[in-house]
Protein backbone atom coordinates (compact mmCIF):
# COMPACT_ATOMS: atom_id res chain seq x y z
CA MET A 1 -8.81 -7.17 14.52
CA ILE A 2 -5.81 -9.38 13.83
CA SER A 3 -3.70 -10.75 16.69
CA LYS A 4 -0.34 -9.38 17.76
CA GLU A 5 1.31 -12.50 16.35
CA GLN A 6 -0.33 -11.90 12.94
CA PHE A 7 0.66 -8.24 13.02
CA ASP A 8 4.29 -9.04 13.93
CA THR A 9 4.38 -11.53 11.04
CA GLU A 10 3.19 -8.82 8.68
CA LEU A 11 5.94 -6.50 9.86
CA GLU A 12 8.55 -9.21 9.37
CA LEU A 13 7.34 -9.79 5.81
CA ILE A 14 7.46 -6.05 5.06
CA ILE A 15 11.05 -5.73 6.26
CA LYS A 16 12.21 -8.87 4.49
CA ASN A 17 10.62 -7.86 1.24
CA ALA A 18 11.81 -4.23 1.45
CA ILE A 19 15.45 -5.26 1.96
CA ARG A 20 15.16 -7.83 -0.84
CA GLU A 21 13.76 -5.18 -3.16
CA ASP A 22 16.31 -2.50 -2.30
CA VAL A 23 19.49 -4.47 -1.76
CA GLY A 24 19.16 -7.50 -4.11
CA GLU A 25 22.50 -9.20 -4.52
CA GLY A 26 24.29 -6.42 -2.65
CA ASP A 27 24.78 -2.70 -2.07
CA HIS A 28 27.56 -2.32 -4.62
CA SER A 29 27.98 1.45 -3.91
CA SER A 30 28.97 0.72 -0.33
CA LEU A 31 30.79 -2.53 -1.12
CA ALA A 32 32.94 -0.63 -3.63
CA CYS A 33 34.27 2.11 -1.44
CA ILE A 34 33.72 1.28 2.29
CA PRO A 35 35.76 -1.46 4.03
CA ALA A 36 33.72 -4.30 5.49
CA ASP A 37 35.04 -3.61 8.97
CA ALA A 38 34.57 0.18 8.93
CA ILE A 39 32.55 1.55 11.85
CA GLY A 40 30.37 4.60 11.48
CA LYS A 41 27.66 6.64 13.11
CA ALA A 42 24.63 8.36 11.69
CA LYS A 43 21.77 10.51 12.98
CA LEU A 44 18.13 10.72 11.93
CA LEU A 45 17.63 14.43 11.17
CA VAL A 46 14.19 16.10 10.95
CA LYS A 47 13.75 18.65 8.21
CA ASP A 48 9.96 19.15 8.61
CA GLU A 49 7.34 19.36 11.34
CA GLY A 50 4.60 17.04 12.41
CA ILE A 51 4.12 13.88 14.49
CA LEU A 52 6.92 11.30 14.63
CA ALA A 53 6.18 7.74 13.70
CA GLY A 54 8.33 4.73 12.72
CA VAL A 55 11.10 4.76 15.33
CA ASP A 56 10.24 1.34 16.66
CA PHE A 57 9.93 0.06 13.10
CA ALA A 58 13.33 1.50 12.25
CA LYS A 59 14.83 -0.38 15.17
CA MET A 60 13.37 -3.59 13.71
CA VAL A 61 14.93 -2.85 10.30
CA PHE A 62 18.35 -2.16 11.79
CA GLN A 63 18.11 -5.32 13.86
CA TYR A 64 17.17 -7.35 10.76
CA VAL A 65 20.06 -5.95 8.72
CA ASP A 66 22.66 -6.22 11.44
CA PRO A 67 21.94 -7.26 15.06
CA GLU A 68 25.19 -5.58 16.16
CA LEU A 69 24.01 -2.08 15.25
CA THR A 70 23.24 0.04 18.31
CA ILE A 71 20.53 2.71 18.37
CA GLU A 72 20.34 5.62 20.80
CA VAL A 73 16.74 6.88 20.71
CA LEU A 74 16.22 10.54 21.60
CA MET A 75 12.58 10.92 20.54
CA LYS A 76 9.72 8.45 20.60
CA ASP A 77 6.83 7.59 18.31
CA GLY A 78 3.94 9.97 18.74
CA GLU A 79 6.02 12.97 19.78
CA PRO A 80 5.75 16.31 17.90
CA ILE A 81 8.86 17.07 15.80
CA GLN A 82 10.26 20.19 14.18
CA TYR A 83 13.05 21.16 11.84
CA GLY A 84 16.46 20.39 13.33
CA ASP A 85 15.37 17.69 15.74
CA VAL A 86 17.54 14.59 16.00
CA VAL A 87 15.46 11.48 16.54
CA PHE A 88 18.13 8.86 17.08
CA TYR A 89 21.73 7.90 16.48
CA VAL A 90 22.69 4.55 14.94
CA GLU A 91 26.20 3.16 15.23
CA GLY A 92 28.01 0.08 13.90
CA LYS A 93 29.32 -1.19 10.55
CA SER A 94 28.98 1.62 7.98
CA GLN A 95 27.92 -0.84 5.32
CA SER A 96 25.06 -2.08 7.48
CA ILE A 97 23.86 1.47 8.20
CA LEU A 98 23.78 2.29 4.53
CA LYS A 99 22.06 -1.00 3.70
CA ALA A 100 19.19 -0.12 6.00
CA GLU A 101 19.08 3.61 5.27
CA ARG A 102 16.54 3.82 2.48
CA VAL A 103 14.08 1.32 4.00
CA VAL A 104 14.18 3.19 7.30
CA LEU A 105 13.68 6.57 5.65
CA ASN A 106 10.93 5.48 3.34
CA ALA A 107 8.98 3.91 6.19
CA MET A 108 9.51 6.73 8.68
CA GLN A 109 8.67 9.47 6.17
CA ARG A 110 5.41 7.73 5.21
CA MET A 111 4.50 6.73 8.75
CA SER A 112 5.16 10.24 10.15
CA ALA A 113 3.00 11.76 7.41
CA ILE A 114 0.09 9.47 8.25
CA ALA A 115 0.47 10.01 12.00
CA THR A 116 0.55 13.77 11.42
CA LYS A 117 -2.64 13.77 9.36
CA THR A 118 -4.40 11.46 11.79
CA HIS A 119 -3.39 13.66 14.72
CA TYR A 120 -4.80 16.69 12.87
CA TYR A 121 -8.11 14.94 12.26
CA THR A 122 -8.40 13.81 15.87
CA LYS A 123 -7.95 17.44 16.97
CA LEU A 124 -10.88 18.40 14.67
CA LEU A 125 -13.05 15.85 16.48
CA GLU A 126 -12.38 17.22 19.99
CA GLY A 127 -15.60 17.94 21.86
CA THR A 128 -17.47 15.11 20.13
CA LYS A 129 -17.67 11.39 20.86
CA ALA A 130 -16.57 10.44 17.34
CA LYS A 131 -13.30 8.66 16.75
CA ILE A 132 -11.38 8.55 13.49
CA LEU A 133 -11.00 5.21 11.71
CA ASP A 134 -8.65 4.15 8.93
CA THR A 135 -9.67 1.95 5.94
CA ARG A 136 -8.21 -0.68 3.62
CA LYS A 137 -7.21 2.09 1.22
CA THR A 138 -3.52 1.50 1.98
CA THR A 139 -0.39 1.04 -0.07
CA PRO A 140 -0.18 -2.60 -1.21
CA GLY A 141 2.38 -4.53 0.74
CA ILE A 142 2.86 -2.08 3.65
CA ARG A 143 -0.60 -1.94 5.25
CA ALA A 144 0.68 -2.96 8.65
CA ILE A 145 2.98 0.03 9.07
CA GLU A 146 0.44 2.46 7.70
CA LYS A 147 -2.21 1.28 10.14
CA TRP A 148 0.40 1.33 12.94
CA ALA A 149 1.01 5.00 12.01
CA VAL A 150 -2.71 5.75 12.33
CA LYS A 151 -2.64 4.38 15.90
CA ILE A 152 0.44 6.44 16.70
CA GLY A 153 -1.41 9.57 15.41
CA GLY A 154 -4.31 8.90 17.79
CA GLY A 155 -6.67 7.19 15.41
CA GLU A 156 -8.34 3.80 15.51
CA ASN A 157 -7.86 0.83 13.21
CA HIS A 158 -10.86 -0.51 11.28
CA ARG A 159 -10.59 -4.08 10.03
CA PHE A 160 -7.11 -5.03 8.93
CA ALA A 161 -8.17 -7.01 5.88
CA LEU A 162 -10.97 -9.07 4.38
CA TYR A 163 -10.55 -11.88 6.89
CA ASP A 164 -10.92 -10.24 10.31
CA MET A 165 -14.35 -8.62 9.99
CA ILE A 166 -17.50 -8.99 7.95
CA MET A 167 -18.33 -5.83 6.03
CA LEU A 168 -21.39 -6.00 3.76
CA LYS A 169 -21.15 -3.17 1.31
CA ASP A 170 -23.32 -2.21 -1.62
CA ASN A 171 -22.00 -4.86 -4.02
CA HIS A 172 -22.33 -7.67 -1.44
CA ILE A 173 -25.91 -6.60 -0.75
CA ASP A 174 -26.82 -6.35 -4.41
CA PHE A 175 -25.22 -9.68 -5.33
CA ALA A 176 -26.86 -11.36 -2.32
CA GLY A 177 -30.33 -10.16 -3.30
CA GLY A 178 -30.83 -7.52 -0.64
CA ILE A 179 -29.85 -6.41 2.85
CA THR A 180 -31.81 -8.98 4.87
CA GLN A 181 -30.67 -11.80 2.57
CA ALA A 182 -27.06 -10.76 2.90
CA ILE A 183 -27.25 -10.55 6.69
CA ASN A 184 -29.02 -13.91 7.03
CA LYS A 185 -26.58 -15.64 4.75
CA THR A 186 -23.68 -14.09 6.62
CA LYS A 187 -24.94 -15.23 10.03
CA GLN A 188 -25.50 -18.74 8.64
CA TYR A 189 -22.01 -18.77 7.14
CA LEU A 190 -20.40 -17.72 10.43
CA LYS A 191 -22.31 -20.41 12.28
CA GLU A 192 -21.28 -23.14 9.84
CA LYS A 193 -17.63 -22.00 9.91
CA ASN A 194 -17.67 -21.50 13.67
CA LYS A 195 -16.28 -17.98 13.28
CA ASP A 196 -16.88 -15.04 15.61
CA LEU A 197 -16.55 -11.96 13.35
CA LYS A 198 -18.29 -8.64 13.84
CA ILE A 199 -20.77 -7.66 11.11
CA VAL A 200 -20.80 -4.18 9.62
CA VAL A 201 -23.44 -3.28 7.04
CA GLU A 202 -23.42 -0.32 4.69
CA ALA A 203 -26.53 1.79 4.21
CA ARG A 204 -27.16 4.02 1.19
CA ASN A 205 -30.31 5.72 2.50
CA LEU A 206 -32.61 5.91 5.49
CA LYS A 207 -34.85 3.11 4.25
CA GLU A 208 -31.82 0.80 4.28
CA ILE A 209 -31.02 1.91 7.83
CA GLU A 210 -34.50 0.78 8.89
CA GLU A 211 -34.09 -2.58 7.18
CA ILE A 212 -30.69 -3.22 8.73
CA LEU A 213 -32.14 -2.46 12.18
CA SER A 214 -34.89 -5.03 11.63
CA ASN A 215 -32.14 -7.71 11.66
CA ASP A 216 -30.34 -8.97 14.74
CA GLY A 217 -26.61 -9.39 15.00
CA VAL A 218 -25.32 -6.24 13.25
CA TYR A 219 -22.44 -4.69 15.17
CA GLN A 220 -22.10 -1.44 13.20
CA ILE A 221 -23.88 0.46 10.42
CA LEU A 222 -21.82 2.32 7.86
CA ILE A 223 -23.75 5.48 6.96
CA ASP A 224 -22.31 6.06 3.53
CA ASN A 225 -22.38 9.36 1.58
CA PHE A 226 -25.25 10.87 3.65
CA ASN A 227 -25.64 14.61 4.04
CA TYR A 228 -25.69 16.20 7.54
CA GLU A 229 -29.46 16.14 8.02
CA ASP A 230 -29.86 12.55 6.92
CA THR A 231 -26.88 11.51 9.07
CA LYS A 232 -28.62 13.02 12.07
CA LYS A 233 -31.80 11.15 11.20
CA ALA A 234 -29.82 7.90 10.76
CA VAL A 235 -28.24 8.31 14.24
CA GLN A 236 -31.69 8.88 15.71
CA LEU A 237 -33.02 5.73 14.03
CA ILE A 238 -30.04 3.70 15.19
CA ASN A 239 -30.49 5.05 18.74
CA GLY A 240 -27.66 3.00 20.26
CA LYS A 241 -28.93 -0.30 18.90
CA CYS A 242 -25.56 -0.70 17.23
CA LEU A 243 -22.58 1.58 16.48
CA ALA A 244 -22.81 4.25 13.81
CA GLU A 245 -20.03 5.08 11.35
CA SER A 246 -19.98 7.91 8.81
CA SER A 247 -17.98 7.63 5.62
CA GLY A 248 -17.77 9.00 2.10
CA ASN A 249 -16.35 12.32 0.88
CA ILE A 250 -15.53 13.45 4.40
CA ASN A 251 -12.53 15.72 4.64
CA GLU A 252 -10.98 18.25 7.04
CA LYS A 253 -13.61 20.84 6.14
CA THR A 254 -16.64 18.56 6.86
CA ILE A 255 -15.41 16.08 9.48
CA ALA A 256 -16.38 18.18 12.52
CA GLN A 257 -19.94 18.63 11.24
CA TYR A 258 -20.41 14.92 10.65
CA ALA A 259 -19.04 14.23 14.14
CA GLN A 260 -21.59 16.63 15.58
CA CYS A 261 -24.36 14.49 14.06
CA GLY A 262 -23.67 11.99 16.85
CA VAL A 263 -21.88 9.18 15.04
CA ASP A 264 -19.47 6.95 16.94
CA PHE A 265 -16.87 6.71 14.18
CA ILE A 266 -15.80 8.52 11.07
CA SER A 267 -13.74 6.54 8.55
CA SER A 268 -11.36 8.24 6.15
CA GLY A 269 -9.26 6.67 3.42
CA ALA A 270 -7.40 9.99 3.17
CA LEU A 271 -5.42 9.15 6.30
CA THR A 272 -3.38 6.62 4.32
CA HIS A 273 -3.92 7.38 0.61
CA SER A 274 -3.54 11.18 0.52
CA VAL A 275 -0.49 12.25 2.52
CA TYR A 276 2.83 13.94 1.68
CA ASN A 277 5.87 12.28 3.22
CA LEU A 278 7.64 14.19 5.92
CA ASP A 279 11.22 15.24 5.15
CA LEU A 280 13.69 13.17 7.17
CA SER A 281 17.34 12.41 6.50
CA LEU A 282 19.94 9.96 7.75
CA LYS A 283 23.23 11.85 7.96
CA ALA A 284 26.68 10.52 8.74
CA VAL A 285 28.21 11.83 11.93
CA ILE A 286 31.80 12.67 11.18
């Protein structure tokens, strides 16, 4: 996974670009009718239910927009929320609050939705050893906050991007001339570049599982689009030689059964690409 420094840099870029995109040359609505020195207060009001995420990110946005804004936090990331809850109060220049409003809301609504869905999936996995993983199927430009939300919801992050883990999928294998060729070329590449990256290899059938296991140095096998019976057989073949991950067309109706097959991880793009934003509002306190 990426370092904390890299992750923090991603967050800074997200905030900078989001404010640039939303504010541009200025928030003319606020500039037109609110004095520059006017002081105001607003509250983050919950109009939905689920798992809260994005409070710490919101604090970063407010700090970026105006370091003099003060935030009184009443609820923390990861807590369950319901209609009528007040998450925090923010106080300071009214223009600054309004300048940050939409970025804060967009991020928190999205992050809370992801955390809520992740939490739901983790509850479905209770009683098994399987953990839920996210994927790279994220919204372009805001991957860092979406993967952050998965962690808040109780899930685990898979690789952040193409540069922090080796993942040999079907196209890599086919272009490389086969599984063994792809693995050998990868190990040679890592040696030449003096890189220490984990290797995950995708398998499309049990025969490919056997071939992957005949090679050293594989950290995890991605059991892709297998049915339950073949997943059980794959786990038996792997037998702890490396980690086992199930993926492909797994949803809330099937996830528990795949977990019961004995896999270590289940990855789901749905955590980040198929959620409905939670309803949150930033309301002026008069």
